[in-house]
Amino acid sequence: MCDETDLEAFAKTDSEKTGLTRRGFAATGAVASLAACTSMPGGGMGGALTESMVMIPTSDGTMDAFFVHPAKPAPAVILWPDIAGLREVKMQMARRLAGEGYAVLVANPYYRDVKAPQFADFAAFQAQNGFEKVGPWRAKATEPAAVNRDATALVAWLDKQAAVNTRRGIGNQGYCMGGPYTVYTAAAVPGRVKAAGSFHGGGLVSDKPTSPHLMLQAGTQYLIAIAQNDDAKQPAAKDELRKAAASVGAKAEIEVYSADHGWCVPDSPAYDQVQAERAWSRLLATYKAAL
């Protein structure tokens, strides 16, 4: 789970040191590499990409989001950000995925209160007392019913776009607090959302009746990548997730990675390029099989 304890651990590793740390250098290089392989025009392996900020009507207001897609109609993917919100690194991740042949929509989960970007990067989140700042926004954004309403609106918007191949299923992926969103999204629109990838997602298993593990769907293919320090805090969660998937006959790849919470996001202090690339390859394989 992404909480204050995680950030304290990050701080002991990196932020209390002076200058650019080795991990910070690696993360900076990773962001630069993402930018290089997805710069406009070109768009990596998928050819030229088209991108824009878009406004999407929801039952709670209007969400600003980032949309990037290849020239030909492609299966759609919703990307749910981590706690630091929609920012440049999430756009770069979306461009990379679009280069693989997907129409990618990055949501602003905090749109009820403020437009994106709320923070330039994760370092800014830390420097600006991010947890305190996003607290009121997050309280509205993480409510399962609110996520369901947003997910339904995003799917409806995507299905009206010429860039989306509506004959193919929709995927969705989330990081940190966005992990549970992927499960709720699949449950909210089960006929359209065919894949859900949670990376170091928080709160996937709880004793609440709205716990994500109770929302798994037989028609969705799941990729649940768990951080090793999250597993240490809640070692039974992976087994509960496997039981829940088996009980409904859902396809689910559930694995604990040898990396800490936040390892998939290049501007995170916990970024681990080797394990992030492995998770990325599993995401592509999941989408290839399900969409």
Protein backbone atom coordinates (compact mmCIF):
# COMPACT_ATOMS: atom_id res chain seq x y z
CA MET A 1 0.00 0.00 0.00
CA CYS A 2 1.22 3.51 -0.81
CA ASP A 3 1.25 5.39 2.48
CA GLU A 4 3.39 7.64 4.65
CA THR A 5 5.45 4.65 5.81
CA ASP A 6 6.50 3.92 2.24
CA LEU A 7 7.63 7.50 1.70
CA GLU A 8 9.60 7.47 4.95
CA ALA A 9 11.42 4.40 3.68
CA PHE A 10 12.07 6.18 0.38
CA ALA A 11 13.43 9.17 2.27
CA LYS A 12 15.91 7.05 4.21
CA THR A 13 17.12 5.56 0.98
CA ASP A 14 17.41 8.68 -1.17
CA SER A 15 16.10 12.03 -0.03
CA GLU A 16 18.31 12.43 3.03
CA LYS A 17 21.39 12.12 0.81
CA THR A 18 22.75 15.12 -1.04
CA GLY A 19 23.12 15.39 -4.78
CA LEU A 20 21.78 12.96 -7.36
CA THR A 21 21.73 9.43 -5.98
CA ARG A 22 22.47 6.35 -8.02
CA ARG A 23 18.78 5.42 -7.93
CA GLY A 24 17.80 8.97 -8.79
CA PHE A 25 20.25 8.92 -11.70
CA ALA A 26 18.75 5.65 -12.94
CA ALA A 27 15.23 7.01 -12.69
CA THR A 28 16.17 10.23 -14.51
CA GLY A 29 17.78 8.18 -17.26
CA ALA A 30 14.70 5.99 -17.53
CA VAL A 31 12.41 8.99 -18.01
CA ALA A 32 14.78 10.35 -20.65
CA SER A 33 14.80 6.98 -22.41
CA LEU A 34 11.00 6.88 -22.43
CA ALA A 35 10.91 10.36 -23.92
CA ALA A 36 13.45 9.46 -26.57
CA CYS A 37 11.62 6.38 -27.82
CA THR A 38 8.18 8.04 -27.88
CA SER A 39 8.92 11.59 -29.01
CA MET A 40 6.61 13.16 -31.58
CA PRO A 41 6.48 12.39 -34.40
CA GLY A 42 7.62 8.79 -34.56
CA GLY A 43 6.04 7.18 -31.56
CA GLY A 44 8.29 4.16 -31.17
CA MET A 45 7.27 0.84 -32.69
CA GLY A 46 3.69 1.84 -33.50
CA GLY A 47 4.54 4.64 -35.98
CA ALA A 48 3.32 8.24 -35.67
CA LEU A 49 1.21 9.00 -32.61
CA THR A 50 -1.46 11.60 -32.03
CA GLU A 51 -1.89 13.04 -28.54
CA SER A 52 -3.98 15.65 -26.78
CA MET A 53 -5.51 16.65 -23.49
CA VAL A 54 -9.21 15.86 -23.57
CA MET A 55 -12.24 16.71 -21.45
CA ILE A 56 -14.60 13.88 -20.55
CA PRO A 57 -18.06 14.37 -19.03
CA THR A 58 -18.80 12.27 -15.96
CA SER A 59 -21.70 12.19 -13.54
CA ASP A 60 -19.52 14.12 -11.07
CA GLY A 61 -18.26 16.83 -13.44
CA THR A 62 -15.72 16.95 -16.25
CA MET A 63 -12.47 15.00 -16.15
CA ASP A 64 -9.35 16.22 -17.88
CA ALA A 65 -7.29 13.35 -19.29
CA PHE A 66 -4.40 12.62 -21.65
CA PHE A 67 -5.16 10.64 -24.80
CA VAL A 68 -2.54 9.21 -27.15
CA HIS A 69 -3.04 6.75 -29.98
CA PRO A 70 -1.53 5.39 -33.21
CA ALA A 71 -2.85 6.28 -36.67
CA LYS A 72 -4.97 3.16 -37.08
CA PRO A 73 -7.89 2.28 -34.76
CA ALA A 74 -6.54 0.34 -31.80
CA PRO A 75 -7.80 -1.42 -28.67
CA ALA A 76 -8.23 1.06 -25.84
CA VAL A 77 -6.45 1.12 -22.50
CA ILE A 78 -7.20 3.24 -19.43
CA LEU A 79 -4.18 4.14 -17.29
CA TRP A 80 -4.89 5.00 -13.65
CA PRO A 81 -2.01 6.98 -12.08
CA ASP A 82 -0.44 6.57 -8.67
CA ILE A 83 -0.99 8.99 -5.80
CA ALA A 84 1.08 11.76 -7.45
CA GLY A 85 -1.44 11.95 -10.28
CA LEU A 86 -1.38 12.60 -14.01
CA ARG A 87 2.03 14.05 -14.84
CA GLU A 88 4.73 13.86 -17.51
CA VAL A 89 6.04 10.42 -16.55
CA LYS A 90 2.54 8.95 -16.91
CA MET A 91 2.22 10.58 -20.31
CA GLN A 92 5.55 9.02 -21.31
CA MET A 93 4.36 5.62 -20.15
CA ALA A 94 1.19 6.10 -22.17
CA ARG A 95 3.16 7.08 -25.27
CA ARG A 96 5.27 3.98 -24.93
CA LEU A 97 2.16 1.80 -24.74
CA ALA A 98 0.55 3.63 -27.66
CA GLY A 99 3.69 2.83 -29.62
CA GLU A 100 2.86 -0.83 -29.07
CA GLY A 101 -0.51 -0.35 -30.79
CA TYR A 102 -2.97 0.84 -28.13
CA ALA A 103 -5.16 3.92 -27.74
CA VAL A 104 -4.26 5.03 -24.21
CA LEU A 105 -6.26 7.32 -21.94
CA VAL A 106 -4.56 8.55 -18.75
CA ALA A 107 -7.14 9.66 -16.22
CA ASN A 108 -6.89 12.51 -13.73
CA PRO A 109 -8.34 10.90 -10.61
CA TYR A 110 -8.40 14.25 -8.79
CA TYR A 111 -10.47 16.12 -11.38
CA ARG A 112 -13.25 16.84 -8.90
CA ASP A 113 -10.90 19.27 -7.18
CA VAL A 114 -8.07 20.27 -9.51
CA LYS A 115 -6.83 19.80 -13.07
CA ALA A 116 -3.62 17.93 -13.87
CA PRO A 117 -0.75 18.11 -13.34
CA GLN A 118 -0.93 18.48 -9.59
CA PHE A 119 2.80 17.72 -9.28
CA ALA A 120 5.57 17.87 -11.85
CA ASP A 121 7.00 14.55 -10.65
CA PHE A 122 7.26 12.37 -7.57
CA ALA A 123 10.09 14.47 -6.15
CA ALA A 124 7.76 17.47 -6.22
CA PHE A 125 5.07 15.37 -4.51
CA GLN A 126 7.48 14.66 -1.68
CA ALA A 127 8.78 18.22 -1.47
CA GLN A 128 5.27 19.68 -1.34
CA ASN A 129 3.93 17.44 1.46
CA GLY A 130 1.99 15.49 -1.11
CA PHE A 131 0.05 13.23 1.24
CA GLU A 132 -1.37 16.18 3.15
CA LYS A 133 -2.16 18.05 -0.04
CA VAL A 134 -3.95 15.24 -1.84
CA GLY A 135 -5.81 13.98 1.22
CA PRO A 136 -9.13 15.73 0.48
CA TRP A 137 -8.88 14.95 -3.24
CA ARG A 138 -8.03 11.32 -2.61
CA ALA A 139 -10.98 10.86 -0.23
CA LYS A 140 -13.32 11.55 -3.13
CA ALA A 141 -11.29 9.79 -5.80
CA THR A 142 -10.82 6.41 -4.12
CA GLU A 143 -14.44 5.78 -3.13
CA PRO A 144 -15.39 2.60 -5.05
CA ALA A 145 -18.72 4.03 -6.22
CA ALA A 146 -16.93 7.13 -7.56
CA VAL A 147 -14.36 4.99 -9.37
CA ASN A 148 -17.18 2.96 -10.91
CA ARG A 149 -18.91 6.12 -12.16
CA ASP A 150 -15.67 7.43 -13.61
CA ALA A 151 -14.81 4.11 -15.24
CA THR A 152 -18.22 3.90 -16.88
CA ALA A 153 -17.84 7.43 -18.24
CA LEU A 154 -14.33 6.78 -19.57
CA VAL A 155 -15.36 3.59 -21.35
CA ALA A 156 -18.36 5.35 -22.89
CA TRP A 157 -16.12 8.18 -24.13
CA LEU A 158 -13.53 5.78 -25.55
CA ASP A 159 -16.16 3.84 -27.45
CA LYS A 160 -17.11 7.03 -29.31
CA GLN A 161 -13.57 7.71 -30.53
CA ALA A 162 -12.55 6.92 -34.10
CA ALA A 163 -9.09 6.02 -32.75
CA VAL A 164 -10.55 3.08 -30.78
CA ASN A 165 -11.22 -0.32 -32.28
CA THR A 166 -14.49 -1.16 -30.52
CA ARG A 167 -14.39 -4.74 -31.79
CA ARG A 168 -11.55 -5.35 -29.34
CA GLY A 169 -11.77 -5.42 -25.56
CA ILE A 170 -10.59 -2.56 -23.35
CA GLY A 171 -7.67 -2.96 -20.96
CA ASN A 172 -6.79 -0.96 -17.89
CA GLN A 173 -3.74 -0.65 -15.68
CA GLY A 174 -3.07 1.14 -12.40
CA TYR A 175 -0.19 1.96 -10.09
CA CYS A 176 -0.21 2.38 -6.30
CA MET A 177 -3.68 3.75 -5.44
CA GLY A 178 -4.63 3.11 -9.08
CA GLY A 179 -4.24 -0.65 -8.60
CA PRO A 180 -7.67 -1.18 -7.03
CA TYR A 181 -9.18 1.09 -9.70
CA THR A 182 -8.36 -1.54 -12.32
CA VAL A 183 -10.45 -4.16 -10.52
CA TYR A 184 -13.34 -1.76 -9.95
CA THR A 185 -13.23 -0.70 -13.61
CA ALA A 186 -13.49 -4.28 -14.84
CA ALA A 187 -16.40 -4.89 -12.47
CA ALA A 188 -18.13 -1.65 -13.48
CA VAL A 189 -18.09 -2.42 -17.22
CA PRO A 190 -17.60 -6.19 -17.44
CA GLY A 191 -18.80 -6.48 -21.03
CA ARG A 192 -16.06 -4.18 -22.32
CA VAL A 193 -13.11 -4.27 -19.94
CA LYS A 194 -11.25 -7.51 -20.56
CA ALA A 195 -7.91 -6.96 -18.80
CA ALA A 196 -6.74 -5.38 -15.54
CA GLY A 197 -3.13 -4.84 -14.51
CA SER A 198 -2.37 -3.73 -10.95
CA PHE A 199 1.22 -2.74 -10.17
CA HIS A 200 2.16 -2.31 -6.51
CA GLY A 201 -1.53 -1.62 -5.94
CA GLY A 202 -2.65 -0.74 -2.43
CA GLY A 203 -5.64 -2.11 -0.57
CA LEU A 204 -6.46 -4.99 -2.91
CA VAL A 205 -7.51 -7.18 0.01
CA SER A 206 -9.39 -5.94 3.06
CA ASP A 207 -12.29 -6.95 5.29
CA LYS A 208 -14.59 -4.37 3.68
CA PRO A 209 -17.52 -5.56 1.54
CA THR A 210 -16.11 -3.40 -1.28
CA SER A 211 -12.66 -5.00 -1.15
CA PRO A 212 -11.28 -5.34 -4.70
CA HIS A 213 -10.54 -9.04 -4.28
CA LEU A 214 -14.29 -9.61 -3.92
CA MET A 215 -14.91 -7.87 -7.27
CA LEU A 216 -12.90 -10.15 -9.57
CA GLN A 217 -14.77 -11.15 -12.73
CA ALA A 218 -14.65 -14.37 -14.71
CA GLY A 219 -14.48 -12.52 -18.02
CA THR A 220 -11.44 -10.40 -17.12
CA GLN A 221 -7.78 -11.39 -17.29
CA TYR A 222 -5.81 -10.04 -14.31
CA LEU A 223 -2.15 -9.24 -13.83
CA ILE A 224 -1.45 -8.42 -10.18
CA ALA A 225 2.17 -7.49 -9.53
CA ILE A 226 2.91 -7.11 -5.81
CA ALA A 227 5.86 -5.27 -4.26
CA GLN A 228 8.02 -7.29 -1.90
CA ASN A 229 7.61 -4.79 0.96
CA ASP A 230 3.83 -4.73 0.47
CA ASP A 231 3.87 -8.53 0.63
CA ALA A 232 5.87 -8.38 3.86
CA LYS A 233 3.20 -6.15 5.40
CA GLN A 234 0.29 -8.29 4.21
CA PRO A 235 1.62 -11.77 3.32
CA ALA A 236 -1.82 -13.37 3.13
CA ALA A 237 -3.08 -10.97 0.46
CA LYS A 238 -1.61 -12.86 -2.49
CA ASP A 239 -3.26 -16.09 -1.34
CA GLU A 240 -6.62 -14.36 -0.84
CA LEU A 241 -6.38 -12.92 -4.33
CA ARG A 242 -5.62 -16.34 -5.79
CA LYS A 243 -8.54 -17.90 -3.92
CA ALA A 244 -10.88 -15.14 -5.07
CA ALA A 245 -9.81 -15.55 -8.70
CA ALA A 246 -10.22 -19.32 -8.54
CA SER A 247 -13.66 -19.02 -6.96
CA VAL A 248 -15.04 -17.13 -9.98
CA GLY A 249 -12.89 -18.83 -12.61
CA ALA A 250 -10.94 -15.69 -13.48
CA LYS A 251 -7.58 -15.87 -15.22
CA ALA A 252 -5.09 -14.23 -12.89
CA GLU A 253 -1.31 -13.93 -12.83
CA ILE A 254 -0.43 -12.96 -9.27
CA GLU A 255 3.23 -12.53 -8.39
CA VAL A 256 5.41 -10.90 -5.77
CA TYR A 257 8.27 -9.02 -7.47
CA SER A 258 11.70 -8.58 -5.91
CA ALA A 259 11.29 -4.81 -5.81
CA ASP A 260 9.69 -2.27 -3.49
CA HIS A 261 6.48 -0.30 -3.71
CA GLY A 262 6.66 2.12 -6.64
CA TRP A 263 9.19 0.12 -8.64
CA CYS A 264 7.36 0.42 -11.99
CA VAL A 265 7.26 4.22 -12.24
CA PRO A 266 10.46 5.89 -13.52
CA ASP A 267 10.17 9.02 -11.34
CA SER A 268 9.59 6.99 -8.16
CA PRO A 269 12.45 6.76 -5.62
CA ALA A 270 11.86 2.99 -5.61
CA TYR A 271 12.13 2.60 -9.40
CA ASP A 272 13.81 -0.66 -10.40
CA GLN A 273 14.43 -0.75 -14.13
CA VAL A 274 15.03 -4.50 -14.42
CA GLN A 275 11.88 -5.45 -12.53
CA ALA A 276 9.89 -2.66 -14.18
CA GLU A 277 10.77 -4.00 -17.62
CA ARG A 278 9.77 -7.49 -16.56
CA ALA A 279 6.42 -6.18 -15.34
CA TRP A 280 6.02 -4.23 -18.58
CA SER A 281 6.60 -7.37 -20.65
CA ARG A 282 3.97 -9.21 -18.64
CA LEU A 283 1.52 -6.35 -19.19
CA LEU A 284 2.01 -6.53 -22.95
CA ALA A 285 1.53 -10.30 -22.86
CA THR A 286 -1.68 -9.88 -20.86
CA TYR A 287 -3.09 -7.35 -23.31
CA LYS A 288 -2.08 -9.46 -26.28
CA ALA A 289 -3.97 -12.43 -24.83
CA ALA A 290 -7.04 -10.60 -23.57
CA LEU A 291 -7.75 -7.74 -25.97
